[in-house]
Each structure stands twice: as C-alpha cells, then as structure tokens.
C-alpha cells in the first residue's frame, strides 16, 4: 500500500478551484463584445458563488452599449490573465475565458454577467469548466495572499528558495540559471527553474494541507526540515 501511495500524484488545485482563485486575485480583465473591446481595471467584483459584476460609470461606452442591447443581454467574452508575482521570463501562469451575457441592473447601476461557457488555459492544455460546478467551488484559501507571499519569499528568503530547489535532487536537469517561486496554494509550492532555453517547474507538495498563510509558512519550513520530498516536474522549451 505504501508503494502505491508513492505513485499517487501530489494534490493540486482542481480546474474549478484554479478558475475561482484567478478570479479572486484579479484586479483587471479584458472584455470583448461583437463591436468593441475594453480593458477594465478595478471595475469588477466577484460574489461568493463566483458571479461577476461590473461597475462602470453610467455614461461610459460599455454601460451605454449594454443599455441599448436586447432584453436577453449583450453577448460578451471576459478574459482574465493570471500573471506570476515574481519576475519570471514567462510570467503567464493561466488564462481564464468566460463567455456569456451582460445585463444592466438599473437600480444598482451595475452590469451582471451570466456565464454560459468557461475555459481554463495553462501549460498543460485547455480545460472546459462547468459553470454550475464553478459556482459551487471556493477559491483556494491562499489565493488573495499568494502574490505577497511569493514576492516576500523571493526577495527576502533566497536561502529558503535555494533549499527548496535542492529538494529536487538529481532528478532535475542540469544547467539551471535561476530559480524563483512560481505558485503557492494550500497543497504545496511550485518553483520555476529557468535554463538558457526553456524552463521546468518543480512542484513540492506540503506534508499537510495549509488553511491560511501562517500554516503555509509552517509547511514550507517543514519541507526544508526533511532531506527528500516527492515532487513533480513539468518541462517546457518556451523562451
């Protein structure tokens, strides 16, 4: 039984959890309609069930376009880009695309988005996410604090990053030029190992699930206290 357990892949966020986490972190989005594209910064909120609400001024082109749309709403595509908090060569971690319709809520001066289709694009490929399942899923508990934690780790604890990298051992390809933290969630931490051309990602699962930022820090220290930790590597030759 122990040998079989060693073959199990380390726990990671599900596709709905990744989408909800991207939405929870995002401060901007791109919106496209059949006749206009918009880049919106600080103009949206995400409700407890992942429902997206836009808050444009009433006299903006977007608000006027939705107001003039049929009763069924204005067809729109929302795109969120998940960018790494650390200065990596390739900083895009994921893209979330939502297709649906915008409707005006006259009394509140808001635009609500009814989602029909959701896709998650990562280095592993493109996945469709069921909107109903997305509504039932919560973001990772570290999502909102992840960027600050990764930045602090990279800037103030280079020794810890080096120690985490060493856990990869001989199974990592030679020739790493730089290693930086890429991602952090309740299940573990991922490092980006950059080479002269391309990179690979080193996933280090936590001994136990972290429920908040304090516990995540404790789990990182536990990783550094053991000589060997299981990991999974994803390689890429993208520049």
Protein backbone atom coordinates (compact mmCIF):
# COMPACT_ATOMS: atom_id res chain seq x y z
CA UNK A 1 0.00 0.00 0.00
CA UNK A 2 2.88 2.33 0.79
CA UNK A 3 4.43 1.77 -2.65
CA UNK A 4 1.13 2.53 -4.37
CA UNK A 5 0.74 5.71 -2.36
CA UNK A 6 4.15 6.88 -3.57
CA UNK A 7 2.87 6.71 -7.15
CA UNK A 8 -0.10 8.97 -6.48
CA UNK A 9 0.34 12.45 -7.97
CA UNK A 10 0.70 15.26 -5.43
CA UNK A 11 -2.52 17.08 -4.61
CA UNK A 12 -3.12 20.20 -6.68
CA UNK A 13 -5.99 22.59 -7.25
CA UNK A 14 -8.81 21.35 -9.45
CA UNK A 15 -9.69 23.28 -12.59
CA UNK A 16 -12.72 24.98 -10.93
CA UNK A 17 -10.54 25.91 -7.94
CA UNK A 18 -7.91 27.42 -10.21
CA UNK A 19 -10.53 29.46 -12.05
CA UNK A 20 -12.08 30.71 -8.80
CA UNK A 21 -8.60 31.56 -7.48
CA UNK A 22 -7.73 33.52 -10.63
CA UNK A 23 -11.00 35.44 -10.32
CA UNK A 24 -10.34 36.14 -6.63
CA UNK A 25 -6.88 37.56 -7.38
CA UNK A 26 -7.68 39.56 -10.49
CA UNK A 27 -7.84 43.35 -10.42
CA UNK A 28 -8.31 43.72 -14.18
CA UNK A 29 -9.91 41.96 -17.12
CA UNK A 30 -10.37 42.23 -20.86
CA UNK A 31 -13.91 42.35 -22.21
CA UNK A 32 -14.97 41.93 -25.80
CA UNK A 33 -18.34 42.37 -27.50
CA UNK A 34 -19.24 42.00 -31.16
CA UNK A 35 -18.24 45.61 -31.82
CA UNK A 36 -15.89 46.80 -29.07
CA UNK A 37 -13.02 45.70 -26.82
CA UNK A 38 -12.43 47.05 -23.32
CA UNK A 39 -9.64 46.78 -20.75
CA UNK A 40 -11.19 47.22 -17.31
CA UNK A 41 -9.11 47.92 -14.20
CA UNK A 42 -10.68 47.95 -10.75
CA UNK A 43 -14.18 47.86 -12.20
CA UNK A 44 -15.43 44.41 -11.22
CA UNK A 45 -16.27 42.36 -8.15
CA UNK A 46 -16.73 38.62 -7.71
CA UNK A 47 -19.52 37.33 -5.47
CA UNK A 48 -19.41 34.31 -3.12
CA UNK A 49 -20.56 31.98 -5.90
CA UNK A 50 -18.20 33.42 -8.49
CA UNK A 51 -20.76 35.75 -10.04
CA UNK A 52 -19.04 38.67 -11.77
CA UNK A 53 -20.47 42.17 -11.52
CA UNK A 54 -19.09 45.17 -13.41
CA UNK A 55 -19.28 48.72 -12.07
CA UNK A 56 -18.75 51.14 -14.97
CA UNK A 57 -19.83 54.77 -14.84
CA UNK A 58 -23.31 55.10 -16.41
CA UNK A 59 -22.11 57.32 -19.27
CA UNK A 60 -19.23 55.06 -20.39
CA UNK A 61 -19.37 53.34 -23.80
CA UNK A 62 -19.73 49.91 -22.18
CA UNK A 63 -22.68 50.92 -19.99
CA UNK A 64 -24.38 52.61 -22.93
CA UNK A 65 -23.80 49.57 -25.16
CA UNK A 66 -25.38 47.23 -22.59
CA UNK A 67 -28.30 49.62 -22.06
CA UNK A 68 -29.03 49.55 -25.80
CA UNK A 69 -28.83 45.74 -26.03
CA UNK A 70 -31.88 43.44 -26.35
CA UNK A 71 -33.63 42.15 -23.23
CA UNK A 72 -31.62 38.91 -23.39
CA UNK A 73 -28.47 40.95 -22.72
CA UNK A 74 -25.28 41.80 -24.57
CA UNK A 75 -23.10 38.89 -25.66
CA UNK A 76 -19.61 39.28 -24.21
CA UNK A 77 -16.32 37.47 -23.62
CA UNK A 78 -14.36 38.11 -20.42
CA UNK A 79 -10.69 37.19 -20.23
CA UNK A 80 -8.56 37.06 -17.09
CA UNK A 81 -4.79 36.55 -17.29
CA UNK A 82 -3.05 35.04 -14.27
CA UNK A 83 0.41 36.63 -14.01
CA UNK A 84 3.16 35.43 -11.69
CA UNK A 85 4.06 37.85 -8.91
CA UNK A 86 7.77 37.14 -9.37
CA UNK A 87 9.85 38.41 -12.35
CA UNK A 88 10.00 35.22 -14.39
CA UNK A 89 10.93 35.00 -18.05
CA UNK A 90 7.43 33.72 -18.85
CA UNK A 91 5.05 35.17 -16.27
CA UNK A 92 1.71 33.96 -17.63
CA UNK A 93 0.51 31.07 -15.47
CA UNK A 94 -3.03 30.69 -16.78
CA UNK A 95 -5.79 32.34 -18.76
CA UNK A 96 -9.48 32.14 -17.92
CA UNK A 97 -12.10 32.83 -20.58
CA UNK A 98 -15.80 33.24 -19.79
CA UNK A 99 -18.47 33.56 -22.46
CA UNK A 100 -21.92 34.84 -21.57
CA UNK A 101 -24.18 37.89 -21.49
CA UNK A 102 -24.11 41.23 -19.72
CA UNK A 103 -27.31 42.67 -18.29
CA UNK A 104 -27.91 46.07 -16.73
CA UNK A 105 -29.24 46.32 -13.18
CA UNK A 106 -30.82 49.75 -13.40
CA UNK A 107 -31.47 50.29 -9.70
CA UNK A 108 -27.87 49.49 -8.74
CA UNK A 109 -26.11 50.98 -11.75
CA UNK A 110 -24.28 47.68 -12.25
CA UNK A 111 -23.78 45.14 -15.01
CA UNK A 112 -24.19 41.47 -14.14
CA UNK A 113 -22.56 38.73 -16.17
CA UNK A 114 -24.44 35.48 -16.82
CA UNK A 115 -21.83 32.89 -17.77
CA UNK A 116 -22.50 30.12 -20.29
CA UNK A 117 -19.02 28.72 -21.01
CA UNK A 118 -15.77 28.72 -19.02
CA UNK A 119 -12.33 27.57 -20.16
CA UNK A 120 -9.01 27.39 -18.31
CA UNK A 121 -5.80 27.54 -20.36
CA UNK A 122 -2.50 26.50 -18.75
CA UNK A 123 0.80 24.97 -19.85
CA UNK A 124 -0.91 21.57 -19.52
CA UNK A 125 -3.63 22.45 -22.04
CA UNK A 126 -7.16 23.82 -22.22
CA UNK A 127 -9.96 22.58 -19.96
CA UNK A 128 -13.67 23.31 -20.01
CA UNK A 129 -15.13 24.09 -16.60
CA UNK A 130 -18.80 23.54 -15.78
CA UNK A 131 -20.32 26.90 -14.71
CA UNK A 132 -22.54 25.11 -12.15
CA UNK A 133 -19.51 23.40 -10.60
CA UNK A 134 -17.66 26.71 -10.63
CA UNK A 135 -20.47 28.30 -8.63
CA UNK A 136 -20.19 25.54 -6.01
CA UNK A 137 -16.41 25.87 -5.68
CA UNK A 138 -14.50 28.21 -3.38
CA UNK A 139 -11.15 29.77 -4.29
CA UNK A 140 -8.01 28.46 -2.64
CA UNK A 141 -7.67 29.98 0.87
CA UNK A 142 -4.24 31.39 -0.06
CA UNK A 143 -5.34 32.96 -3.35
CA UNK A 144 -5.63 36.57 -2.19
CA UNK A 145 -2.34 36.50 -0.24
CA UNK A 146 -0.36 34.37 -2.70
CA UNK A 147 1.28 37.24 -4.61
CA UNK A 148 2.58 38.95 -1.47
CA UNK A 149 3.85 35.66 -0.05
CA UNK A 150 5.70 34.70 -3.24
CA UNK A 151 7.24 38.16 -3.56
CA UNK A 152 8.41 38.10 0.06
CA UNK A 153 9.88 34.64 -0.35
CA UNK A 154 11.79 35.62 -3.50
CA UNK A 155 13.08 38.96 -2.18
CA UNK A 156 13.77 38.22 1.49
CA UNK A 157 14.46 34.48 1.66
CA UNK A 158 16.76 33.45 -1.17
CA UNK A 159 18.25 30.83 1.15
CA UNK A 160 14.85 29.18 1.55
CA UNK A 161 14.28 29.18 -2.22
CA UNK A 162 17.70 27.53 -2.65
CA UNK A 163 16.82 24.96 0.00
CA UNK A 164 13.53 24.14 -1.71
CA UNK A 165 15.29 23.81 -5.05
CA UNK A 166 17.75 21.36 -3.51
CA UNK A 167 14.85 19.03 -2.71
CA UNK A 168 14.62 18.30 -6.43
CA UNK A 169 17.92 16.46 -6.20
CA UNK A 170 19.45 14.67 -9.16
CA UNK A 171 16.08 14.30 -10.87
CA UNK A 172 16.24 17.91 -12.08
CA UNK A 173 18.07 18.57 -15.36
CA UNK A 174 21.45 20.28 -15.08
CA UNK A 175 22.08 23.83 -16.16
CA UNK A 176 19.59 25.82 -14.08
CA UNK A 177 20.40 29.54 -14.31
CA UNK A 178 17.75 30.90 -11.95
CA UNK A 179 15.06 29.59 -9.61
CA UNK A 180 12.09 31.62 -8.37
CA UNK A 181 8.81 30.74 -6.65
CA UNK A 182 6.03 30.42 -9.23
CA UNK A 183 2.89 29.41 -7.36
CA UNK A 184 1.60 28.67 -3.88
CA UNK A 185 -1.63 27.05 -2.75
CA UNK A 186 -2.89 25.06 0.20
CA UNK A 187 -1.42 21.84 -1.20
CA UNK A 188 2.13 22.96 -1.95
CA UNK A 189 4.58 25.33 -3.59
CA UNK A 190 5.90 25.35 -7.17
CA UNK A 191 9.30 26.68 -8.23
CA UNK A 192 10.19 27.81 -11.75
CA UNK A 193 13.66 26.64 -12.79
CA UNK A 194 14.90 28.61 -15.78
CA UNK A 195 17.53 27.36 -18.23
CA UNK A 196 19.36 29.04 -21.07
CA UNK A 197 16.42 27.95 -23.22
CA UNK A 198 13.14 26.94 -21.65
CA UNK A 199 12.30 26.03 -18.08
CA UNK A 200 10.87 23.35 -15.83
CA UNK A 201 8.53 23.63 -12.85
CA UNK A 202 9.27 21.84 -9.59
CA UNK A 203 6.17 21.02 -7.55
CA UNK A 204 6.76 20.40 -3.83
CA UNK A 205 3.64 19.15 -2.01
CA UNK A 206 3.21 20.15 1.62
CA UNK A 207 3.28 17.49 4.33
CA UNK A 208 -0.18 18.71 5.39
CA UNK A 209 -2.78 20.99 3.84
CA UNK A 210 -2.42 24.67 4.78
CA UNK A 211 -5.58 26.51 5.78
CA UNK A 212 -4.10 30.01 5.76
CA UNK A 213 -0.90 31.99 5.18
CA UNK A 214 0.52 31.20 8.63
CA UNK A 215 0.10 27.47 8.10
CA UNK A 216 1.58 27.75 4.60
CA UNK A 217 4.73 29.26 6.11
CA UNK A 218 4.89 26.40 8.59
CA UNK A 219 4.55 23.86 5.79
CA UNK A 220 7.42 25.46 3.85
CA UNK A 221 9.62 25.21 6.94
CA UNK A 222 8.63 21.56 7.34
CA UNK A 223 9.68 20.89 3.75
CA UNK A 224 13.07 22.42 4.46
CA UNK A 225 13.48 20.25 7.55
CA UNK A 226 13.43 16.95 5.62
CA UNK A 227 16.12 15.72 3.20
CA UNK A 228 13.82 14.37 0.48
CA UNK A 229 10.37 15.45 -0.68
CA UNK A 230 8.29 13.99 -3.54
CA UNK A 231 7.82 16.35 -6.45
CA UNK A 232 6.54 16.54 -9.96
CA UNK A 233 8.29 18.34 -12.79
CA UNK A 234 6.73 19.96 -15.83
CA UNK A 235 9.20 20.87 -18.56
CA UNK A 236 8.84 23.50 -21.24
CA UNK A 237 11.07 24.78 -24.01
CA UNK A 238 9.23 28.04 -24.43
CA UNK A 239 11.53 31.09 -24.41
